[in-house]
Amino acid sequence: MICQNQIIRCDENALRKLAISKPTDLLFKKWIMVYENSDRVYQIADNIYKDLVKASGQLKLVIEEPHWIELSKESNRDELD
């Protein structure tokens, strides 16, 4: 995740402990999924998206297709500009 210009890494257990304080729908191409240019990393990002879609009913959220952004390297935030 990128938050306040920093890359923050968090594992699945950390995410499970977080409460959803202000849910918001993720509508078609109104949100982004950023991943590094590799098949393995794209597959991880795609699985995250699919898991969000699966969980959307239980979370009472609408999850639609993001705008996908591929970076040459995960740490290269200049490519996001």
Protein backbone atom coordinates (compact mmCIF):
# COMPACT_ATOMS: atom_id res chain seq x y z
CA MET A 1 0.00 0.00 0.00
CA ILE A 2 1.11 3.55 -0.56
CA CYS A 3 0.13 5.95 2.19
CA GLN A 4 1.37 9.52 2.58
CA ASN A 5 4.13 8.96 0.03
CA GLN A 6 5.44 5.83 1.78
CA ILE A 7 5.22 2.19 0.80
CA ILE A 8 3.61 0.26 3.64
CA ARG A 9 3.68 -3.50 3.71
CA CYS A 10 1.12 -5.43 5.69
CA ASP A 11 0.34 -9.10 5.87
CA GLU A 12 -2.99 -10.89 5.82
CA ASN A 13 -3.17 -11.19 9.63
CA ALA A 14 -2.74 -7.44 10.09
CA LEU A 15 -5.54 -6.75 7.61
CA ARG A 16 -7.89 -9.16 9.41
CA LYS A 17 -7.47 -7.22 12.66
CA LEU A 18 -8.41 -3.88 11.11
CA ALA A 19 -11.99 -2.74 11.42
CA ILE A 20 -13.63 -1.03 8.47
CA SER A 21 -14.34 2.42 9.85
CA LYS A 22 -15.63 4.19 6.74
CA PRO A 23 -16.55 1.80 3.94
CA THR A 24 -16.65 3.08 0.38
CA ASP A 25 -17.65 1.47 -2.89
CA LEU A 26 -14.84 0.89 -5.39
CA LEU A 27 -16.49 1.70 -8.69
CA PHE A 28 -15.42 0.91 -12.25
CA LYS A 29 -12.02 2.48 -12.91
CA LYS A 30 -12.50 4.96 -10.05
CA TRP A 31 -9.77 3.24 -8.03
CA ILE A 32 -6.38 1.82 -8.92
CA MET A 33 -4.52 -1.44 -8.49
CA VAL A 34 -0.77 -0.90 -8.82
CA TYR A 35 1.59 -3.81 -9.37
CA GLU A 36 5.14 -4.50 -10.46
CA ASN A 37 5.82 -5.76 -13.97
CA SER A 38 6.06 -9.50 -13.33
CA ASP A 39 3.61 -12.33 -13.82
CA ARG A 40 3.93 -13.38 -10.18
CA VAL A 41 3.17 -9.91 -8.80
CA TYR A 42 0.32 -9.37 -11.26
CA GLN A 43 -1.18 -12.69 -10.13
CA ILE A 44 -1.00 -11.53 -6.50
CA ALA A 45 -2.70 -8.24 -7.37
CA ASP A 46 -5.36 -10.06 -9.38
CA ASN A 47 -6.00 -12.44 -6.47
CA ILE A 48 -6.41 -9.48 -4.12
CA TYR A 49 -8.96 -7.99 -6.50
CA LYS A 50 -10.83 -11.30 -6.78
CA ASP A 51 -10.84 -11.69 -2.97
CA LEU A 52 -12.27 -8.18 -2.61
CA VAL A 53 -15.03 -9.06 -5.07
CA LYS A 54 -15.81 -12.26 -3.13
CA ALA A 55 -15.91 -10.40 0.18
CA SER A 56 -17.92 -7.45 -1.14
CA GLY A 57 -21.31 -8.98 -0.32
CA GLN A 58 -20.40 -9.69 3.27
CA LEU A 59 -18.79 -6.26 3.60
CA LYS A 60 -21.81 -4.61 1.93
CA LEU A 61 -19.57 -2.90 -0.61
CA VAL A 62 -19.59 -2.62 -4.39
CA ILE A 63 -16.27 -3.69 -5.88
CA GLU A 64 -15.88 -3.10 -9.62
CA GLU A 65 -12.89 -3.35 -11.97
CA PRO A 66 -10.01 -1.03 -11.02
CA HIS A 67 -7.74 0.93 -13.31
CA TRP A 68 -4.66 -1.30 -13.47
CA ILE A 69 -1.25 0.40 -13.35
CA GLU A 70 1.91 -1.57 -14.04
CA LEU A 71 5.21 -0.24 -12.68
CA SER A 72 8.67 -1.32 -13.78
CA LYS A 73 9.57 -1.64 -10.09
CA GLU A 74 7.30 -1.53 -7.06
CA SER A 75 9.39 1.19 -5.44
CA ASN A 76 9.33 3.47 -8.50
CA ARG A 77 6.58 5.87 -7.42
CA ASP A 78 7.66 8.41 -10.06
CA GLU A 79 5.81 6.27 -12.61
CA LEU A 80 2.54 7.05 -10.82
CA ASP A 81 2.71 10.75 -11.65
